[in-house]
Amino acid sequence: MLKSLFAVIAAALLLGACDEPPPPAAAPPPPPPAPSFMVFFDWDRSNLSAQAMTTIQQAAAAYKTRGAARVTATGHTDTSGSETYNMALSLRRANTVKDALVKAGVPAASITTVGRGESGLLVKTADGVREPQNRRVEIVMDGAAIPAIFRDPAAYCKALSDKWRQFRTSQVDTITAAAMAQCEAGNYEPGILTLEKAHIENKLPLPAPGYRWPGQPYTAPY
């Protein structure tokens, strides 16, 4: 009788243990920070030094290891010179870096260039100071990969075309018609840029929520 009682208690304890929920799964590790690189320039120059080219090669290699990413090249200047001149100089620097990245194998459509002039100083200075650390372009790669469907520019070009046709149900203007024809012919970059511009100007959402090829709103021809 006693043995039977112990057996019943043991069985009850075993069943209770089975009813306990499993321990919570460990939280996944946080995503790695987006890689970034800095390219520095001589005073009032936008050409690339040997050291700058080495940095750009490193950035291009990092891009290739990620499979796909959005790249932003943001140009800066020091505080010498006028604000208007520095804004233009910062954009020239950003475009110079973009051209070098493209030559190193980064798709042009994946790169956005931004000029910030004297804003965003790395080293705070008074006006008119030639600070080398402020004459730079920052290369940043978005940590979020491009959605799989749009790693292929043909798929993205088609998605833009389809959405534009839905918007323009009655007619297709000449410029966007030519852009859609470029997509169909495999000439994706100019087709994408023209169709994106049309979408943005008409306040149409782009096909992938949260993703804009090449990563930022259209502001000027690439």
N, C-alpha and C. Protein backbone atom coordinates (compact mmCIF):
# COMPACT_ATOMS: atom_id res chain seq x y z
N MET A 1 0.84 -1.21 0.00
CA MET A 1 0.00 0.00 0.00
C MET A 1 0.87 1.25 0.00
N LEU A 2 1.89 1.22 0.86
CA LEU A 2 2.80 2.38 0.94
C LEU A 2 3.55 2.57 -0.36
N LYS A 3 3.96 1.42 -0.94
CA LYS A 3 4.68 1.52 -2.22
C LYS A 3 3.76 2.11 -3.30
N SER A 4 2.50 1.70 -3.28
CA SER A 4 1.56 2.23 -4.27
C SER A 4 1.37 3.73 -4.09
N LEU A 5 1.33 4.19 -2.82
CA LEU A 5 1.18 5.63 -2.55
C LEU A 5 2.37 6.41 -3.06
N PHE A 6 3.57 5.89 -2.81
CA PHE A 6 4.79 6.55 -3.32
C PHE A 6 4.79 6.61 -4.85
N ALA A 7 4.31 5.52 -5.47
CA ALA A 7 4.26 5.48 -6.94
C ALA A 7 3.33 6.54 -7.48
N VAL A 8 2.18 6.72 -6.82
CA VAL A 8 1.22 7.73 -7.26
C VAL A 8 1.80 9.13 -7.11
N ILE A 9 2.47 9.38 -5.97
CA ILE A 9 3.08 10.71 -5.74
C ILE A 9 4.17 10.98 -6.78
N ALA A 10 4.99 9.96 -7.04
CA ALA A 10 6.07 10.13 -8.02
C ALA A 10 5.51 10.43 -9.40
N ALA A 11 4.44 9.73 -9.76
CA ALA A 11 3.82 9.97 -11.07
C ALA A 11 3.26 11.38 -11.15
N ALA A 12 2.64 11.82 -10.02
CA ALA A 12 2.07 13.18 -10.02
C ALA A 12 3.16 14.23 -10.17
N LEU A 13 4.28 14.02 -9.46
CA LEU A 13 5.40 14.96 -9.59
C LEU A 13 5.96 14.97 -11.00
N LEU A 14 6.03 13.78 -11.62
CA LEU A 14 6.56 13.71 -12.98
C LEU A 14 5.63 14.44 -13.95
N LEU A 15 4.32 14.25 -13.78
CA LEU A 15 3.38 14.95 -14.66
C LEU A 15 3.45 16.46 -14.46
N GLY A 16 3.62 16.88 -13.20
CA GLY A 16 3.75 18.31 -12.93
C GLY A 16 4.97 18.90 -13.60
N ALA A 17 6.05 18.14 -13.59
CA ALA A 17 7.28 18.62 -14.24
C ALA A 17 7.07 18.75 -15.74
N CYS A 18 6.30 17.79 -16.32
CA CYS A 18 6.06 17.86 -17.77
C CYS A 18 5.21 19.05 -18.13
N ASP A 19 4.33 19.50 -17.17
CA ASP A 19 3.46 20.64 -17.47
C ASP A 19 4.19 21.97 -17.41
N GLU A 20 5.37 22.02 -16.83
CA GLU A 20 6.10 23.28 -16.71
C GLU A 20 6.49 23.77 -18.10
N PRO A 21 6.30 25.05 -18.36
CA PRO A 21 6.68 25.57 -19.69
C PRO A 21 8.18 25.51 -19.88
N PRO A 22 8.63 25.32 -21.11
CA PRO A 22 10.08 25.29 -21.36
C PRO A 22 10.69 26.66 -21.09
N PRO A 23 11.96 26.68 -20.74
CA PRO A 23 12.60 27.98 -20.49
C PRO A 23 12.56 28.84 -21.74
N PRO A 24 12.43 30.16 -21.58
CA PRO A 24 12.37 31.03 -22.76
C PRO A 24 13.65 30.95 -23.58
N ALA A 25 13.46 31.04 -24.90
CA ALA A 25 14.63 31.00 -25.79
C ALA A 25 15.46 32.26 -25.59
N ALA A 26 16.75 32.07 -25.76
CA ALA A 26 17.66 33.20 -25.61
C ALA A 26 17.37 34.23 -26.69
N ALA A 27 17.43 35.50 -26.33
CA ALA A 27 17.19 36.57 -27.30
C ALA A 27 18.28 36.55 -28.36
N PRO A 28 17.90 36.77 -29.62
CA PRO A 28 18.93 36.79 -30.67
C PRO A 28 19.89 37.95 -30.45
N PRO A 29 21.13 37.78 -30.86
CA PRO A 29 22.10 38.87 -30.68
C PRO A 29 21.71 40.07 -31.51
N PRO A 30 22.02 41.27 -31.06
CA PRO A 30 21.67 42.47 -31.84
C PRO A 30 22.42 42.46 -33.16
N PRO A 31 21.84 43.06 -34.20
CA PRO A 31 22.52 43.10 -35.49
C PRO A 31 23.80 43.91 -35.39
N PRO A 32 24.81 43.56 -36.18
CA PRO A 32 26.05 44.31 -36.13
C PRO A 32 25.84 45.73 -36.62
N PRO A 33 26.59 46.68 -36.10
CA PRO A 33 26.42 48.06 -36.56
C PRO A 33 26.75 48.19 -38.04
N ALA A 34 26.10 49.14 -38.69
CA ALA A 34 26.37 49.37 -40.10
C ALA A 34 27.81 49.83 -40.27
N PRO A 35 28.57 49.20 -41.17
CA PRO A 35 29.95 49.62 -41.35
C PRO A 35 30.05 51.04 -41.90
N SER A 36 31.07 51.76 -41.48
CA SER A 36 31.27 53.12 -41.98
C SER A 36 32.75 53.37 -42.19
N PHE A 37 33.04 54.28 -43.10
CA PHE A 37 34.42 54.61 -43.47
C PHE A 37 34.51 56.12 -43.67
N MET A 38 35.70 56.66 -43.45
CA MET A 38 35.91 58.10 -43.65
C MET A 38 37.04 58.32 -44.66
N VAL A 39 36.75 59.16 -45.62
CA VAL A 39 37.73 59.55 -46.64
C VAL A 39 38.04 61.03 -46.43
N PHE A 40 39.32 61.38 -46.27
CA PHE A 40 39.70 62.76 -45.98
C PHE A 40 40.31 63.43 -47.21
N PHE A 41 40.22 64.77 -47.23
CA PHE A 41 40.63 65.56 -48.40
C PHE A 41 41.57 66.69 -47.98
N ASP A 42 42.39 67.11 -48.94
CA ASP A 42 43.20 68.30 -48.73
C ASP A 42 42.30 69.54 -48.78
N TRP A 43 42.82 70.63 -48.33
CA TRP A 43 42.04 71.87 -48.28
C TRP A 43 41.61 72.29 -49.68
N ASP A 44 40.31 72.59 -49.83
CA ASP A 44 39.72 73.08 -51.07
C ASP A 44 39.89 72.09 -52.22
N ARG A 45 40.01 70.82 -51.93
CA ARG A 45 40.17 69.82 -52.98
C ARG A 45 39.08 68.76 -52.89
N SER A 46 38.81 68.14 -54.04
CA SER A 46 37.88 67.02 -54.07
C SER A 46 38.50 65.79 -54.73
N ASN A 47 39.80 65.87 -55.04
CA ASN A 47 40.48 64.70 -55.62
C ASN A 47 40.90 63.75 -54.49
N LEU A 48 41.15 62.49 -54.86
CA LEU A 48 41.41 61.44 -53.88
C LEU A 48 42.90 61.16 -53.74
N SER A 49 43.37 61.10 -52.52
CA SER A 49 44.76 60.73 -52.24
C SER A 49 44.90 59.21 -52.28
N ALA A 50 46.14 58.73 -52.19
CA ALA A 50 46.38 57.29 -52.16
C ALA A 50 45.71 56.65 -50.94
N GLN A 51 45.79 57.34 -49.80
CA GLN A 51 45.14 56.83 -48.60
C GLN A 51 43.63 56.77 -48.76
N ALA A 52 43.07 57.79 -49.42
CA ALA A 52 41.63 57.80 -49.65
C ALA A 52 41.21 56.63 -50.54
N MET A 53 42.02 56.32 -51.55
CA MET A 53 41.70 55.20 -52.44
C MET A 53 41.74 53.88 -51.68
N THR A 54 42.68 53.75 -50.75
CA THR A 54 42.75 52.53 -49.93
C THR A 54 41.48 52.38 -49.10
N THR A 55 41.02 53.48 -48.51
CA THR A 55 39.79 53.44 -47.71
C THR A 55 38.59 53.06 -48.58
N ILE A 56 38.52 53.60 -49.77
CA ILE A 56 37.41 53.30 -50.67
C ILE A 56 37.43 51.82 -51.08
N GLN A 57 38.62 51.27 -51.31
CA GLN A 57 38.71 49.85 -51.63
C GLN A 57 38.21 49.00 -50.47
N GLN A 58 38.53 49.42 -49.25
CA GLN A 58 38.04 48.70 -48.07
C GLN A 58 36.52 48.77 -47.98
N ALA A 59 35.96 49.95 -48.27
CA ALA A 59 34.51 50.10 -48.24
C ALA A 59 33.85 49.23 -49.31
N ALA A 60 34.43 49.19 -50.50
CA ALA A 60 33.87 48.37 -51.57
C ALA A 60 33.92 46.89 -51.20
N ALA A 61 35.01 46.47 -50.57
CA ALA A 61 35.12 45.07 -50.14
C ALA A 61 34.07 44.75 -49.08
N ALA A 62 33.82 45.69 -48.17
CA ALA A 62 32.80 45.48 -47.14
C ALA A 62 31.42 45.36 -47.77
N TYR A 63 31.15 46.17 -48.77
CA TYR A 63 29.86 46.10 -49.47
C TYR A 63 29.67 44.72 -50.09
N LYS A 64 30.70 44.20 -50.72
CA LYS A 64 30.58 42.91 -51.42
C LYS A 64 30.35 41.77 -50.44
N THR A 65 30.91 41.85 -49.24
CA THR A 65 30.69 40.79 -48.25
C THR A 65 29.27 40.79 -47.71
N ARG A 66 28.57 41.90 -47.82
CA ARG A 66 27.20 41.99 -47.31
C ARG A 66 26.17 41.51 -48.32
N GLY A 67 26.60 41.27 -49.54
CA GLY A 67 25.67 40.81 -50.56
C GLY A 67 24.91 41.95 -51.20
N ALA A 68 24.29 42.78 -50.40
CA ALA A 68 23.55 43.94 -50.90
C ALA A 68 23.33 44.88 -49.74
N ALA A 69 23.44 46.16 -49.99
CA ALA A 69 23.23 47.17 -48.95
C ALA A 69 22.97 48.49 -49.62
N ARG A 70 22.49 49.43 -48.84
CA ARG A 70 22.34 50.79 -49.32
C ARG A 70 23.52 51.60 -48.79
N VAL A 71 24.14 52.36 -49.66
CA VAL A 71 25.35 53.10 -49.31
C VAL A 71 25.07 54.59 -49.41
N THR A 72 25.47 55.34 -48.39
CA THR A 72 25.34 56.79 -48.42
C THR A 72 26.72 57.40 -48.27
N ALA A 73 27.10 58.26 -49.21
CA ALA A 73 28.36 58.99 -49.15
C ALA A 73 28.02 60.45 -48.84
N THR A 74 28.37 60.91 -47.64
CA THR A 74 28.02 62.25 -47.18
C THR A 74 29.26 63.12 -47.12
N GLY A 75 29.27 64.19 -47.91
CA GLY A 75 30.43 65.08 -47.98
C GLY A 75 30.36 66.20 -46.95
N HIS A 76 31.54 66.58 -46.43
CA HIS A 76 31.66 67.66 -45.45
C HIS A 76 32.84 68.55 -45.81
N THR A 77 32.85 69.75 -45.26
CA THR A 77 33.98 70.67 -45.41
C THR A 77 34.35 71.23 -44.05
N ASP A 78 35.47 71.96 -44.01
CA ASP A 78 35.78 72.73 -42.81
C ASP A 78 35.05 74.07 -42.90
N THR A 79 35.35 74.98 -42.00
CA THR A 79 34.58 76.23 -41.94
C THR A 79 35.23 77.37 -42.71
N SER A 80 36.32 77.09 -43.42
CA SER A 80 36.90 78.14 -44.25
C SER A 80 36.09 78.23 -45.55
N GLY A 81 35.97 79.44 -46.09
CA GLY A 81 35.17 79.63 -47.30
C GLY A 81 33.71 79.92 -46.95
N SER A 82 32.96 80.30 -47.98
CA SER A 82 31.56 80.66 -47.77
C SER A 82 30.71 79.40 -47.64
N GLU A 83 29.55 79.54 -47.04
CA GLU A 83 28.66 78.40 -46.87
C GLU A 83 28.19 77.85 -48.22
N THR A 84 27.91 78.75 -49.15
CA THR A 84 27.44 78.31 -50.47
C THR A 84 28.53 77.52 -51.19
N TYR A 85 29.75 78.05 -51.15
CA TYR A 85 30.86 77.34 -51.81
C TYR A 85 31.09 75.99 -51.14
N ASN A 86 31.05 75.96 -49.83
CA ASN A 86 31.32 74.72 -49.11
C ASN A 86 30.26 73.66 -49.36
N MET A 87 29.01 74.09 -49.52
CA MET A 87 27.96 73.12 -49.82
C MET A 87 28.24 72.43 -51.15
N ALA A 88 28.62 73.22 -52.16
CA ALA A 88 28.93 72.64 -53.46
C ALA A 88 30.18 71.76 -53.39
N LEU A 89 31.18 72.20 -52.63
CA LEU A 89 32.41 71.42 -52.49
C LEU A 89 32.14 70.08 -51.80
N SER A 90 31.30 70.10 -50.78
CA SER A 90 31.00 68.85 -50.08
C SER A 90 30.30 67.85 -50.99
N LEU A 91 29.43 68.33 -51.88
CA LEU A 91 28.76 67.43 -52.80
C LEU A 91 29.72 66.91 -53.86
N ARG A 92 30.65 67.77 -54.32
CA ARG A 92 31.67 67.29 -55.26
C ARG A 92 32.49 66.17 -54.64
N ARG A 93 32.85 66.35 -53.39
CA ARG A 93 33.61 65.30 -52.70
C ARG A 93 32.82 64.00 -52.62
N ALA A 94 31.53 64.12 -52.28
CA ALA A 94 30.69 62.92 -52.19
C ALA A 94 30.58 62.22 -53.54
N ASN A 95 30.42 63.00 -54.61
CA ASN A 95 30.31 62.40 -55.94
C ASN A 95 31.62 61.78 -56.40
N THR A 96 32.75 62.38 -56.00
CA THR A 96 34.05 61.79 -56.32
C THR A 96 34.19 60.42 -55.67
N VAL A 97 33.76 60.33 -54.41
CA VAL A 97 33.83 59.05 -53.70
C VAL A 97 32.88 58.04 -54.35
N LYS A 98 31.69 58.49 -54.73
CA LYS A 98 30.75 57.59 -55.40
C LYS A 98 31.36 57.02 -56.67
N ASP A 99 31.97 57.87 -57.50
CA ASP A 99 32.58 57.42 -58.75
C ASP A 99 33.65 56.36 -58.48
N ALA A 100 34.44 56.58 -57.43
CA ALA A 100 35.50 55.62 -57.09
C ALA A 100 34.90 54.31 -56.59
N LEU A 101 33.83 54.39 -55.81
CA LEU A 101 33.17 53.17 -55.35
C LEU A 101 32.60 52.37 -56.52
N VAL A 102 32.03 53.07 -57.49
CA VAL A 102 31.49 52.38 -58.67
C VAL A 102 32.61 51.67 -59.42
N LYS A 103 33.75 52.34 -59.59
CA LYS A 103 34.89 51.71 -60.27
C LYS A 103 35.40 50.50 -59.49
N ALA A 104 35.18 50.52 -58.16
CA ALA A 104 35.62 49.40 -57.32
C ALA A 104 34.59 48.28 -57.25
N GLY A 105 33.48 48.44 -57.96
CA GLY A 105 32.51 47.35 -58.05
C GLY A 105 31.22 47.52 -57.31
N VAL A 106 30.98 48.70 -56.71
CA VAL A 106 29.70 48.94 -56.02
C VAL A 106 28.71 49.50 -57.04
N PRO A 107 27.51 48.92 -57.18
CA PRO A 107 26.55 49.43 -58.17
C PRO A 107 26.19 50.89 -57.91
N ALA A 108 26.17 51.68 -58.97
CA ALA A 108 25.85 53.10 -58.83
C ALA A 108 24.46 53.30 -58.23
N ALA A 109 23.52 52.42 -58.58
CA ALA A 109 22.15 52.56 -58.08
C ALA A 109 22.03 52.29 -56.59
N SER A 110 23.08 51.73 -55.98
CA SER A 110 23.05 51.46 -54.54
C SER A 110 23.62 52.62 -53.72
N ILE A 111 24.11 53.67 -54.38
CA ILE A 111 24.82 54.73 -53.68
C ILE A 111 24.03 56.04 -53.76
N THR A 112 23.86 56.67 -52.61
CA THR A 112 23.27 58.00 -52.54
C THR A 112 24.35 58.98 -52.10
N THR A 113 24.41 60.13 -52.74
CA THR A 113 25.37 61.16 -52.34
C THR A 113 24.64 62.33 -51.69
N VAL A 114 25.26 62.86 -50.65
CA VAL A 114 24.69 63.98 -49.89
C VAL A 114 25.81 64.98 -49.61
N GLY A 115 25.51 66.27 -49.75
CA GLY A 115 26.46 67.31 -49.37
C GLY A 115 25.94 68.09 -48.18
N ARG A 116 26.76 68.19 -47.13
CA ARG A 116 26.32 68.90 -45.93
C ARG A 116 27.13 70.15 -45.64
N GLY A 117 28.09 70.46 -46.49
CA GLY A 117 28.85 71.69 -46.30
C GLY A 117 29.53 71.74 -44.95
N GLU A 118 29.34 72.85 -44.23
CA GLU A 118 29.99 73.05 -42.94
C GLU A 118 29.26 72.39 -41.78
N SER A 119 28.05 71.87 -42.01
CA SER A 119 27.30 71.27 -40.91
C SER A 119 27.86 69.88 -40.60
N GLY A 120 27.68 69.44 -39.38
CA GLY A 120 28.16 68.12 -38.99
C GLY A 120 29.66 68.06 -38.83
N LEU A 121 30.26 69.09 -38.24
CA LEU A 121 31.72 69.12 -38.05
C LEU A 121 32.17 67.97 -37.15
N LEU A 122 33.23 67.29 -37.57
CA LEU A 122 33.81 66.26 -36.71
C LEU A 122 34.57 66.89 -35.56
N VAL A 123 35.23 68.00 -35.84
CA VAL A 123 35.94 68.78 -34.83
C VAL A 123 35.32 70.17 -34.81
N LYS A 124 34.74 70.56 -33.70
CA LYS A 124 34.10 71.87 -33.60
C LYS A 124 35.16 72.97 -33.65
N THR A 125 34.95 73.92 -34.56
CA THR A 125 35.89 75.04 -34.70
C THR A 125 35.11 76.33 -34.90
N ALA A 126 35.84 77.42 -34.79
CA ALA A 126 35.26 78.72 -35.14
C ALA A 126 35.18 78.84 -36.66
N ASP A 127 34.51 79.86 -37.14
CA ASP A 127 34.41 80.09 -38.58
C ASP A 127 35.79 80.43 -39.15
N GLY A 128 36.05 79.93 -40.36
CA GLY A 128 37.29 80.26 -41.04
C GLY A 128 38.48 79.39 -40.68
N VAL A 129 38.27 78.28 -39.99
CA VAL A 129 39.37 77.42 -39.55
C VAL A 129 39.54 76.25 -40.52
N ARG A 130 40.78 76.02 -40.96
CA ARG A 130 41.08 74.92 -41.87
C ARG A 130 41.41 73.66 -41.04
N GLU A 131 40.39 72.94 -40.68
CA GLU A 131 40.56 71.74 -39.85
C GLU A 131 40.54 70.49 -40.73
N PRO A 132 41.65 69.75 -40.84
CA PRO A 132 41.71 68.58 -41.74
C PRO A 132 40.66 67.52 -41.46
N GLN A 133 40.32 67.30 -40.20
CA GLN A 133 39.36 66.24 -39.87
C GLN A 133 37.94 66.55 -40.35
N ASN A 134 37.68 67.81 -40.62
CA ASN A 134 36.35 68.19 -41.09
C ASN A 134 36.21 68.08 -42.61
N ARG A 135 37.30 67.95 -43.32
CA ARG A 135 37.26 67.83 -44.78
C ARG A 135 37.18 66.35 -45.13
N ARG A 136 35.97 65.84 -45.23
CA ARG A 136 35.83 64.39 -45.32
C ARG A 136 34.54 64.00 -46.05
N VAL A 137 34.50 62.72 -46.42
CA VAL A 137 33.26 62.06 -46.85
C VAL A 137 33.08 60.84 -45.98
N GLU A 138 31.90 60.72 -45.39
CA GLU A 138 31.58 59.55 -44.58
C GLU A 138 30.79 58.56 -45.45
N ILE A 139 31.28 57.33 -45.51
CA ILE A 139 30.61 56.26 -46.25
C ILE A 139 29.92 55.36 -45.23
N VAL A 140 28.61 55.26 -45.32
CA VAL A 140 27.85 54.43 -44.39
C VAL A 140 27.01 53.44 -45.18
N MET A 141 27.02 52.19 -44.72
CA MET A 141 26.21 51.14 -45.35
C MET A 141 25.07 50.79 -44.42
N ASP A 142 23.88 50.84 -44.95
CA ASP A 142 22.69 50.51 -44.17
C ASP A 142 22.77 49.06 -43.73
N GLY A 143 22.51 48.82 -42.44
CA GLY A 143 22.60 47.47 -41.92
C GLY A 143 21.53 46.55 -42.46
N ALA A 144 20.42 47.09 -42.93
CA ALA A 144 19.34 46.25 -43.45
C ALA A 144 19.62 45.89 -44.89
N ALA A 145 19.59 44.61 -45.17
CA ALA A 145 19.82 44.17 -46.55
C ALA A 145 18.65 44.56 -47.43
N ILE A 146 18.90 44.63 -48.71
CA ILE A 146 17.84 44.91 -49.68
C ILE A 146 16.86 43.74 -49.70
N PRO A 147 15.56 43.99 -49.65
CA PRO A 147 14.60 42.88 -49.74
C PRO A 147 14.90 41.99 -50.93
N ALA A 148 14.75 40.68 -50.74
CA ALA A 148 15.22 39.72 -51.75
C ALA A 148 14.63 39.98 -53.13
N ILE A 149 13.32 40.35 -53.16
CA ILE A 149 12.68 40.55 -54.46
C ILE A 149 13.33 41.69 -55.24
N PHE A 150 13.92 42.66 -54.54
CA PHE A 150 14.47 43.81 -55.22
C PHE A 150 16.00 43.82 -55.23
N ARG A 151 16.61 42.69 -54.94
CA ARG A 151 18.03 42.60 -55.21
C ARG A 151 18.27 42.58 -56.71
N ASP A 152 17.24 42.19 -57.43
CA ASP A 152 17.29 42.15 -58.89
C ASP A 152 16.70 43.45 -59.43
N PRO A 153 17.49 44.30 -60.09
CA PRO A 153 16.95 45.56 -60.59
C PRO A 153 15.82 45.37 -61.60
N ALA A 154 15.82 44.22 -62.29
CA ALA A 154 14.73 43.98 -63.25
C ALA A 154 13.40 43.88 -62.52
N ALA A 155 13.39 43.19 -61.35
CA ALA A 155 12.16 43.05 -60.59
C ALA A 155 11.69 44.40 -60.06
N TYR A 156 12.63 45.22 -59.60
CA TYR A 156 12.26 46.52 -59.07
C TYR A 156 11.75 47.45 -60.18
N CYS A 157 12.42 47.40 -61.34
CA CYS A 157 12.00 48.21 -62.48
C CYS A 157 10.57 47.83 -62.90
N LYS A 158 10.29 46.52 -62.91
CA LYS A 158 8.94 46.05 -63.28
C LYS A 158 7.91 46.50 -62.24
N ALA A 159 8.29 46.43 -60.95
CA ALA A 159 7.36 46.84 -59.90
C ALA A 159 7.01 48.32 -60.02
N LEU A 160 8.01 49.15 -60.32
CA LEU A 160 7.76 50.57 -60.54
C LEU A 160 6.84 50.79 -61.73
N SER A 161 7.10 50.06 -62.82
CA SER A 161 6.28 50.20 -64.03
C SER A 161 4.83 49.81 -63.75
N ASP A 162 4.65 48.68 -63.05
CA ASP A 162 3.29 48.21 -62.77
C ASP A 162 2.53 49.21 -61.90
N LYS A 163 3.20 49.75 -60.88
CA LYS A 163 2.53 50.71 -60.00
C LYS A 163 2.19 51.99 -60.76
N TRP A 164 3.08 52.42 -61.66
CA TRP A 164 2.79 53.63 -62.43
C TRP A 164 1.61 53.41 -63.36
N ARG A 165 1.51 52.23 -63.96
CA ARG A 165 0.37 51.93 -64.84
C ARG A 165 -0.94 51.96 -64.05
N GLN A 166 -0.90 51.49 -62.80
CA GLN A 166 -2.10 51.55 -61.96
C GLN A 166 -2.51 52.99 -61.69
N PHE A 167 -1.52 53.87 -61.53
CA PHE A 167 -1.80 55.28 -61.26
C PHE A 167 -2.30 55.98 -62.52
N ARG A 168 -1.62 55.74 -63.63
CA ARG A 168 -1.99 56.35 -64.90
C ARG A 168 -2.87 55.38 -65.68
N THR A 169 -4.07 55.19 -65.21
CA THR A 169 -4.94 54.21 -65.87
C THR A 169 -5.40 54.67 -67.25
N SER A 170 -5.48 55.98 -67.46
CA SER A 170 -6.03 56.48 -68.73
C SER A 170 -4.95 56.80 -69.76
N GLN A 171 -3.75 57.13 -69.29
CA GLN A 171 -2.70 57.50 -70.24
C GLN A 171 -1.33 57.28 -69.60
N VAL A 172 -0.34 57.16 -70.43
CA VAL A 172 1.05 57.06 -69.99
C VAL A 172 1.82 58.14 -70.71
N ASP A 173 2.44 59.04 -69.96
CA ASP A 173 3.15 60.13 -70.62
C ASP A 173 4.42 59.62 -71.27
N THR A 174 4.98 60.44 -72.17
CA THR A 174 6.10 60.01 -73.00
C THR A 174 7.33 59.66 -72.18
N ILE A 175 7.64 60.46 -71.16
CA ILE A 175 8.86 60.24 -70.38
C ILE A 175 8.80 58.92 -69.63
N THR A 176 7.69 58.66 -68.93
CA THR A 176 7.60 57.40 -68.19
C THR A 176 7.44 56.21 -69.13
N ALA A 177 6.80 56.41 -70.27
CA ALA A 177 6.70 55.33 -71.25
C ALA A 177 8.09 54.93 -71.73
N ALA A 178 8.95 55.93 -71.98
CA ALA A 178 10.32 55.64 -72.40
C ALA A 178 11.08 54.93 -71.29
N ALA A 179 10.83 55.33 -70.03
CA ALA A 179 11.50 54.69 -68.90
C ALA A 179 11.08 53.22 -68.77
N MET A 180 9.80 52.95 -68.95
CA MET A 180 9.33 51.56 -68.88
C MET A 180 9.90 50.74 -70.03
N ALA A 181 10.06 51.37 -71.18
CA ALA A 181 10.68 50.67 -72.31
C ALA A 181 12.15 50.35 -72.01
N GLN A 182 12.84 51.27 -71.30
CA GLN A 182 14.21 50.99 -70.90
C GLN A 182 14.28 49.82 -69.94
N CYS A 183 13.33 49.74 -69.02
CA CYS A 183 13.28 48.59 -68.10
C CYS A 183 13.12 47.29 -68.87
N GLU A 184 12.21 47.30 -69.83
CA GLU A 184 11.95 46.09 -70.61
C GLU A 184 13.14 45.71 -71.48
N ALA A 185 13.95 46.71 -71.85
CA ALA A 185 15.12 46.45 -72.68
C ALA A 185 16.35 46.07 -71.85
N GLY A 186 16.21 46.08 -70.52
CA GLY A 186 17.35 45.73 -69.67
C GLY A 186 18.22 46.90 -69.30
N ASN A 187 17.81 48.12 -69.64
CA ASN A 187 18.59 49.33 -69.29
C ASN A 187 17.99 49.88 -67.99
N TYR A 188 18.28 49.22 -66.87
CA TYR A 188 17.50 49.41 -65.65
C TYR A 188 17.74 50.74 -64.95
N GLU A 189 18.99 51.17 -64.82
CA GLU A 189 19.27 52.33 -63.97
C GLU A 189 18.53 53.59 -64.43
N PRO A 190 18.63 54.01 -65.71
CA PRO A 190 17.88 55.21 -66.10
C PRO A 190 16.37 55.02 -66.00
N GLY A 191 15.89 53.79 -66.27
CA GLY A 191 14.46 53.54 -66.12
C GLY A 191 14.01 53.68 -64.68
N ILE A 192 14.79 53.13 -63.75
CA ILE A 192 14.46 53.21 -62.33
C ILE A 192 14.45 54.66 -61.86
N LEU A 193 15.48 55.40 -62.22
CA LEU A 193 15.58 56.78 -61.75
C LEU A 193 14.42 57.64 -62.25
N THR A 194 14.05 57.48 -63.51
CA THR A 194 12.94 58.27 -64.07
C THR A 194 11.62 57.89 -63.41
N LEU A 195 11.38 56.59 -63.24
CA LEU A 195 10.12 56.15 -62.65
C LEU A 195 10.04 56.52 -61.18
N GLU A 196 11.15 56.42 -60.45
CA GLU A 196 11.15 56.85 -59.05
C GLU A 196 10.82 58.34 -58.95
N LYS A 197 11.42 59.13 -59.82
CA LYS A 197 11.17 60.57 -59.80
C LYS A 197 9.68 60.84 -60.04
N ALA A 198 9.09 60.12 -60.99
CA ALA A 198 7.66 60.30 -61.28
C ALA A 198 6.80 59.91 -60.08
N HIS A 199 7.16 58.80 -59.42
CA HIS A 199 6.41 58.37 -58.25
C HIS A 199 6.47 59.42 -57.14
N ILE A 200 7.67 59.91 -56.87
CA ILE A 200 7.86 60.83 -55.75
C ILE A 200 7.18 62.16 -56.03
N GLU A 201 7.31 62.65 -57.26
CA GLU A 201 6.69 63.94 -57.59
C GLU A 201 5.16 63.86 -57.52
N ASN A 202 4.60 62.67 -57.76
CA ASN A 202 3.15 62.50 -57.70
C ASN A 202 2.69 61.92 -56.37
N LYS A 203 3.61 61.90 -55.38
CA LYS A 203 3.30 61.45 -54.02
C LYS A 203 2.77 60.02 -53.99
N LEU A 204 3.34 59.17 -54.85
CA LEU A 204 2.99 57.75 -54.85
C LEU A 204 4.00 56.99 -54.00
N PRO A 205 3.55 56.06 -53.15
CA PRO A 205 4.50 55.24 -52.40
C PRO A 205 5.28 54.35 -53.35
N LEU A 206 6.56 54.17 -53.06
CA LEU A 206 7.38 53.28 -53.87
C LEU A 206 7.03 51.83 -53.54
N PRO A 207 7.31 50.89 -54.43
CA PRO A 207 6.80 49.53 -54.28
C PRO A 207 7.15 48.83 -52.98
N ALA A 208 8.35 49.05 -52.42
CA ALA A 208 8.74 48.33 -51.21
C ALA A 208 8.69 49.26 -50.02
N PRO A 209 7.79 49.01 -49.05
CA PRO A 209 7.71 49.89 -47.88
C PRO A 209 9.04 49.96 -47.16
N GLY A 210 9.48 51.17 -46.87
CA GLY A 210 10.72 51.34 -46.13
C GLY A 210 11.96 51.16 -46.96
N TYR A 211 11.81 50.90 -48.26
CA TYR A 211 12.99 50.71 -49.10
C TYR A 211 12.88 51.56 -50.34
N ARG A 212 13.87 52.36 -50.59
CA ARG A 212 13.87 53.22 -51.77
C ARG A 212 15.16 52.97 -52.53
N TRP A 213 15.05 52.57 -53.75
CA TRP A 213 16.22 52.37 -54.59
C TRP A 213 16.59 53.71 -55.18
N PRO A 214 17.79 54.24 -54.97
CA PRO A 214 18.94 53.65 -54.32
C PRO A 214 19.06 53.94 -52.83
N GLY A 215 17.98 54.20 -52.13
CA GLY A 215 18.07 54.32 -50.69
C GLY A 215 17.60 55.65 -50.13
N GLN A 216 17.39 56.63 -51.00
CA GLN A 216 16.95 57.94 -50.52
C GLN A 216 15.99 58.53 -51.54
N PRO A 217 15.19 59.52 -51.12
CA PRO A 217 14.32 60.18 -52.09
C PRO A 217 15.11 60.81 -53.22
N TYR A 218 14.53 60.85 -54.39
CA TYR A 218 15.18 61.47 -55.56
C TYR A 218 15.38 62.96 -55.33
N THR A 219 16.59 63.42 -55.53
CA THR A 219 16.85 64.85 -55.40
C THR A 219 17.53 65.42 -56.65
N ALA A 220 18.30 64.65 -57.34
CA ALA A 220 19.00 65.13 -58.53
C ALA A 220 19.44 63.92 -59.34
N PRO A 221 19.71 64.09 -60.64
CA PRO A 221 20.18 62.95 -61.44
C PRO A 221 21.46 62.39 -60.87
N TYR A 222 21.59 61.06 -60.92
CA TYR A 222 22.78 60.41 -60.41
C TYR A 222 23.83 60.31 -61.50
